[in-house]
Amino acid sequence: MRLTMRNHKSYTYRASLIRVDNNCAIGDIVDKLGKYEDICDDPEKLKKMMQEKGIPEQ
């Protein structure tokens, strides 16, 4: 389950605090969490990044 969603036509993310209302958290921490969630959703992208960084698979 994702905690973040991408802002429309942007490279930033938001984390909804209240689903009924439009209140949400934004900022660097939420952007980093959103990027992390994107990587975890795509295992092939994660493998490619690990190979580029020289990180051995476990």
PDB file of N, CA and C in Angstrom:
ATOM      1  N   MET A   1       0.840  -1.182   0.000  1.00  0.00           N
ATOM      2  CA  MET A   1       0.000   0.000   0.000  1.00  0.00           C
ATOM      3  C   MET A   1       0.883   1.243   0.000  1.00  0.00           C
ATOM      4  N   ARG A   2       0.631   2.112  -0.934  1.00  0.00           N
ATOM      5  CA  ARG A   2       1.403   3.348  -1.044  1.00  0.00           C
ATOM      6  C   ARG A   2       0.912   4.386  -0.039  1.00  0.00           C
ATOM      7  N   LEU A   3       1.845   5.159   0.465  1.00  0.00           N
ATOM      8  CA  LEU A   3       1.507   6.276   1.347  1.00  0.00           C
ATOM      9  C   LEU A   3       1.515   7.596   0.593  1.00  0.00           C
ATOM     10  N   THR A   4       2.127   7.599  -0.599  1.00  0.00           N
ATOM     11  CA  THR A   4       2.271   8.839  -1.351  1.00  0.00           C
ATOM     12  C   THR A   4       1.613   8.733  -2.714  1.00  0.00           C
ATOM     13  N   MET A   5       1.389   9.874  -3.332  1.00  0.00           N
ATOM     14  CA  MET A   5       0.914   9.940  -4.711  1.00  0.00           C
ATOM     15  C   MET A   5       1.635  11.095  -5.388  1.00  0.00           C
ATOM     16  N   ARG A   6       1.878  10.943  -6.687  1.00  0.00           N
ATOM     17  CA  ARG A   6       2.590  11.975  -7.442  1.00  0.00           C
ATOM     18  C   ARG A   6       1.670  13.168  -7.679  1.00  0.00           C
ATOM     19  N   ASN A   7       2.234  14.371  -7.530  1.00  0.00           N
ATOM     20  CA  ASN A   7       1.496  15.579  -7.881  1.00  0.00           C
ATOM     21  C   ASN A   7       1.347  15.628  -9.397  1.00  0.00           C
ATOM     22  N   HIS A   8       0.274  16.179  -9.868  1.00  0.00           N
ATOM     23  CA  HIS A   8      -0.036  16.210 -11.290  1.00  0.00           C
ATOM     24  C   HIS A   8       1.090  16.843 -12.096  1.00  0.00           C
ATOM     25  N   LYS A   9       1.553  16.151 -13.139  1.00  0.00           N
ATOM     26  CA  LYS A   9       2.570  16.650 -14.080  1.00  0.00           C
ATOM     27  C   LYS A   9       3.782  17.241 -13.362  1.00  0.00           C
ATOM     28  N   SER A  10       4.237  16.561 -12.316  1.00  0.00           N
ATOM     29  CA  SER A  10       5.342  17.063 -11.518  1.00  0.00           C
ATOM     30  C   SER A  10       6.204  15.898 -11.055  1.00  0.00           C
ATOM     31  N   TYR A  11       7.393  16.209 -10.572  1.00  0.00           N
ATOM     32  CA  TYR A  11       8.267  15.189 -10.010  1.00  0.00           C
ATOM     33  C   TYR A  11       8.235  15.222  -8.491  1.00  0.00           C
ATOM     34  N   THR A  12       7.200  15.831  -7.923  1.00  0.00           N
ATOM     35  CA  THR A  12       7.046  15.874  -6.477  1.00  0.00           C
ATOM     36  C   THR A  12       5.882  14.991  -6.066  1.00  0.00           C
ATOM     37  N   TYR A  13       5.817  14.689  -4.782  1.00  0.00           N
ATOM     38  CA  TYR A  13       4.798  13.787  -4.247  1.00  0.00           C
ATOM     39  C   TYR A  13       4.065  14.461  -3.100  1.00  0.00           C
ATOM     40  N   ARG A  14       2.944  13.863  -2.710  1.00  0.00           N
ATOM     41  CA  ARG A  14       2.211  14.307  -1.522  1.00  0.00           C
ATOM     42  C   ARG A  14       1.727  13.076  -0.773  1.00  0.00           C
ATOM     43  N   ALA A  15       1.576  13.231   0.528  1.00  0.00           N
ATOM     44  CA  ALA A  15       1.061  12.155   1.370  1.00  0.00           C
ATOM     45  C   ALA A  15      -0.208  12.665   2.026  1.00  0.00           C
ATOM     46  N   SER A  16      -1.324  12.039   1.720  1.00  0.00           N
ATOM     47  CA  SER A  16      -2.596  12.479   2.275  1.00  0.00           C
ATOM     48  C   SER A  16      -2.676  12.138   3.752  1.00  0.00           C
ATOM     49  N   LEU A  17      -3.027  13.122   4.543  1.00  0.00           N
ATOM     50  CA  LEU A  17      -3.214  12.900   5.974  1.00  0.00           C
ATOM     51  C   LEU A  17      -4.671  12.593   6.277  1.00  0.00           C
ATOM     52  N   ILE A  18      -5.561  13.242   5.546  1.00  0.00           N
ATOM     53  CA  ILE A  18      -7.003  13.031   5.723  1.00  0.00           C
ATOM     54  C   ILE A  18      -7.575  12.729   4.349  1.00  0.00           C
ATOM     55  N   ARG A  19      -8.098  11.540   4.150  1.00  0.00           N
ATOM     56  CA  ARG A  19      -8.582  11.118   2.832  1.00  0.00           C
ATOM     57  C   ARG A  19      -9.830  11.891   2.387  1.00  0.00           C
ATOM     58  N   VAL A  20     -10.686  12.255   3.312  1.00  0.00           N
ATOM     59  CA  VAL A  20     -11.938  12.916   2.955  1.00  0.00           C
ATOM     60  C   VAL A  20     -11.684  14.349   2.522  1.00  0.00           C
ATOM     61  N   ASP A  21     -10.785  15.009   3.223  1.00  0.00           N
ATOM     62  CA  ASP A  21     -10.468  16.404   2.944  1.00  0.00           C
ATOM     63  C   ASP A  21      -9.293  16.472   1.980  1.00  0.00           C
ATOM     64  N   ASN A  22      -8.865  17.653   1.610  1.00  0.00           N
ATOM     65  CA  ASN A  22      -7.729  17.791   0.709  1.00  0.00           C
ATOM     66  C   ASN A  22      -6.472  18.207   1.462  1.00  0.00           C
ATOM     67  N   ASN A  23      -6.404  17.893   2.760  1.00  0.00           N
ATOM     68  CA  ASN A  23      -5.210  18.200   3.543  1.00  0.00           C
ATOM     69  C   ASN A  23      -4.148  17.152   3.248  1.00  0.00           C
ATOM     70  N   CYS A  24      -2.914  17.587   3.021  1.00  0.00           N
ATOM     71  CA  CYS A  24      -1.856  16.621   2.740  1.00  0.00           C
ATOM     72  C   CYS A  24      -0.509  17.184   3.158  1.00  0.00           C
ATOM     73  N   ALA A  25       0.453  16.288   3.334  1.00  0.00           N
ATOM     74  CA  ALA A  25       1.821  16.675   3.670  1.00  0.00           C
ATOM     75  C   ALA A  25       2.632  16.711   2.390  1.00  0.00           C
ATOM     76  N   ILE A  26       3.521  17.711   2.279  1.00  0.00           N
ATOM     77  CA  ILE A  26       4.395  17.829   1.107  1.00  0.00           C
ATOM     78  C   ILE A  26       5.798  18.176   1.596  1.00  0.00           C
ATOM     79  N   GLY A  27       6.763  18.079   0.723  1.00  0.00           N
ATOM     80  CA  GLY A  27       8.123  18.468   1.084  1.00  0.00           C
ATOM     81  C   GLY A  27       9.139  17.412   0.713  1.00  0.00           C
ATOM     82  N   ASP A  28      10.404  17.669   1.089  1.00  0.00           N
ATOM     83  CA  ASP A  28      11.511  16.791   0.719  1.00  0.00           C
ATOM     84  C   ASP A  28      11.327  15.371   1.238  1.00  0.00           C
ATOM     85  N   ILE A  29      10.878  15.221   2.458  1.00  0.00           N
ATOM     86  CA  ILE A  29      10.712  13.883   3.037  1.00  0.00           C
ATOM     87  C   ILE A  29       9.675  13.095   2.252  1.00  0.00           C
ATOM     88  N   VAL A  30       8.569  13.718   1.921  1.00  0.00           N
ATOM     89  CA  VAL A  30       7.509  13.040   1.164  1.00  0.00           C
ATOM     90  C   VAL A  30       7.999  12.709  -0.245  1.00  0.00           C
ATOM     91  N   ASP A  31       8.780  13.603  -0.868  1.00  0.00           N
ATOM     92  CA  ASP A  31       9.339  13.331  -2.193  1.00  0.00           C
ATOM     93  C   ASP A  31      10.255  12.109  -2.155  1.00  0.00           C
ATOM     94  N   LYS A  32      11.106  12.018  -1.131  1.00  0.00           N
ATOM     95  CA  LYS A  32      12.008  10.871  -1.004  1.00  0.00           C
ATOM     96  C   LYS A  32      11.226   9.584  -0.785  1.00  0.00           C
ATOM     97  N   LEU A  33      10.197   9.617   0.043  1.00  0.00           N
ATOM     98  CA  LEU A  33       9.364   8.437   0.266  1.00  0.00           C
ATOM     99  C   LEU A  33       8.667   8.022  -1.020  1.00  0.00           C
ATOM    100  N   GLY A  34       8.163   8.976  -1.781  1.00  0.00           N
ATOM    101  CA  GLY A  34       7.501   8.673  -3.044  1.00  0.00           C
ATOM    102  C   GLY A  34       8.439   8.022  -4.046  1.00  0.00           C
ATOM    103  N   LYS A  35       9.667   8.534  -4.137  1.00  0.00           N
ATOM    104  CA  LYS A  35      10.653   7.942  -5.042  1.00  0.00           C
ATOM    105  C   LYS A  35      11.001   6.522  -4.604  1.00  0.00           C
ATOM    106  N   TYR A  36      11.136   6.318  -3.302  1.00  0.00           N
ATOM    107  CA  TYR A  36      11.414   4.984  -2.774  1.00  0.00           C
ATOM    108  C   TYR A  36      10.276   4.024  -3.112  1.00  0.00           C
ATOM    109  N   GLU A  37       9.048   4.477  -2.948  1.00  0.00           N
ATOM    110  CA  GLU A  37       7.895   3.631  -3.272  1.00  0.00           C
ATOM    111  C   GLU A  37       7.851   3.303  -4.765  1.00  0.00           C
ATOM    112  N   ASP A  38       8.234   4.255  -5.623  1.00  0.00           N
ATOM    113  CA  ASP A  38       8.296   3.994  -7.061  1.00  0.00           C
ATOM    114  C   ASP A  38       9.294   2.882  -7.371  1.00  0.00           C
ATOM    115  N   ILE A  39      10.457   2.928  -6.726  1.00  0.00           N
ATOM    116  CA  ILE A  39      11.485   1.915  -6.955  1.00  0.00           C
ATOM    117  C   ILE A  39      10.998   0.542  -6.490  1.00  0.00           C
ATOM    118  N   CYS A  40      10.373   0.504  -5.319  1.00  0.00           N
ATOM    119  CA  CYS A  40       9.908  -0.775  -4.776  1.00  0.00           C
ATOM    120  C   CYS A  40       8.768  -1.367  -5.602  1.00  0.00           C
ATOM    121  N   ASP A  41       8.009  -0.536  -6.285  1.00  0.00           N
ATOM    122  CA  ASP A  41       6.918  -1.022  -7.130  1.00  0.00           C
ATOM    123  C   ASP A  41       7.431  -1.666  -8.415  1.00  0.00           C
ATOM    124  N   ASP A  42       8.667  -1.362  -8.802  1.00  0.00           N
ATOM    125  CA  ASP A  42       9.232  -1.868 -10.051  1.00  0.00           C
ATOM    126  C   ASP A  42      10.541  -2.602  -9.762  1.00  0.00           C
ATOM    127  N   PRO A  43      10.483  -3.922  -9.532  1.00  0.00           N
ATOM    128  CA  PRO A  43      11.686  -4.681  -9.184  1.00  0.00           C
ATOM    129  C   PRO A  43      12.775  -4.619 -10.264  1.00  0.00           C
ATOM    130  N   GLU A  44      12.385  -4.541 -11.530  1.00  0.00           N
ATOM    131  CA  GLU A  44      13.370  -4.466 -12.608  1.00  0.00           C
ATOM    132  C   GLU A  44      14.151  -3.155 -12.533  1.00  0.00           C
ATOM    133  N   LYS A  45      13.475  -2.080 -12.219  1.00  0.00           N
ATOM    134  CA  LYS A  45      14.135  -0.780 -12.073  1.00  0.00           C
ATOM    135  C   LYS A  45      15.117  -0.823 -10.901  1.00  0.00           C
ATOM    136  N   LEU A  46      14.729  -1.491  -9.824  1.00  0.00           N
ATOM    137  CA  LEU A  46      15.600  -1.619  -8.661  1.00  0.00           C
ATOM    138  C   LEU A  46      16.844  -2.430  -9.020  1.00  0.00           C
ATOM    139  N   LYS A  47      16.680  -3.548  -9.745  1.00  0.00           N
ATOM    140  CA  LYS A  47      17.824  -4.369 -10.169  1.00  0.00           C
ATOM    141  C   LYS A  47      18.789  -3.564 -11.026  1.00  0.00           C
ATOM    142  N   LYS A  48      18.241  -2.794 -11.963  1.00  0.00           N
ATOM    143  CA  LYS A  48      19.076  -1.986 -12.852  1.00  0.00           C
ATOM    144  C   LYS A  48      19.875  -0.954 -12.056  1.00  0.00           C
ATOM    145  N   MET A  49      19.228  -0.301 -11.095  1.00  0.00           N
ATOM    146  CA  MET A  49      19.909   0.693 -10.270  1.00  0.00           C
ATOM    147  C   MET A  49      21.025   0.051  -9.448  1.00  0.00           C
ATOM    148  N   MET A  50      20.759  -1.151  -8.931  1.00  0.00           N
ATOM    149  CA  MET A  50      21.771  -1.844  -8.141  1.00  0.00           C
ATOM    150  C   MET A  50      22.978  -2.203  -8.998  1.00  0.00           C
ATOM    151  N   GLN A  51      22.739  -2.638 -10.229  1.00  0.00           N
ATOM    152  CA  GLN A  51      23.833  -2.978 -11.130  1.00  0.00           C
ATOM    153  C   GLN A  51      24.649  -1.738 -11.488  1.00  0.00           C
ATOM    154  N   GLU A  52      23.972  -0.622 -11.720  1.00  0.00           N
ATOM    155  CA  GLU A  52      24.672   0.622 -12.048  1.00  0.00           C
ATOM    156  C   GLU A  52      25.556   1.104 -10.894  1.00  0.00           C
ATOM    157  N   LYS A  53      25.091   0.887  -9.665  1.00  0.00           N
ATOM    158  CA  LYS A  53      25.835   1.329  -8.481  1.00  0.00           C
ATOM    159  C   LYS A  53      26.866   0.307  -8.035  1.00  0.00           C
ATOM    160  N   GLY A  54      26.843  -0.886  -8.648  1.00  0.00           N
ATOM    161  CA  GLY A  54      27.793  -1.926  -8.268  1.00  0.00           C
ATOM    162  C   GLY A  54      27.440  -2.629  -6.974  1.00  0.00           C
ATOM    163  N   ILE A  55      26.176  -2.637  -6.617  1.00  0.00           N
ATOM    164  CA  ILE A  55      25.710  -3.292  -5.401  1.00  0.00           C
ATOM    165  C   ILE A  55      25.358  -4.734  -5.735  1.00  0.00           C
ATOM    166  N   PRO A  56      25.994  -5.717  -5.070  1.00  0.00           N
ATOM    167  CA  PRO A  56      25.689  -7.122  -5.381  1.00  0.00           C
ATOM    168  C   PRO A  56      24.276  -7.519  -4.921  1.00  0.00           C
ATOM    169  N   GLU A  57      23.641  -8.386  -5.702  1.00  0.00           N
ATOM    170  CA  GLU A  57      22.314  -8.890  -5.319  1.00  0.00           C
ATOM    171  C   GLU A  57      22.466  -9.852  -4.153  1.00  0.00           C
ATOM    172  N   GLN A  58      21.477  -9.883  -3.290  1.00  0.00           N
ATOM    173  CA  GLN A  58      21.518 -10.788  -2.134  1.00  0.00           C
ATOM    174  C   GLN A  58      20.479 -11.846  -2.265  1.00  0.00           C
TER     175      GLN A  58
END
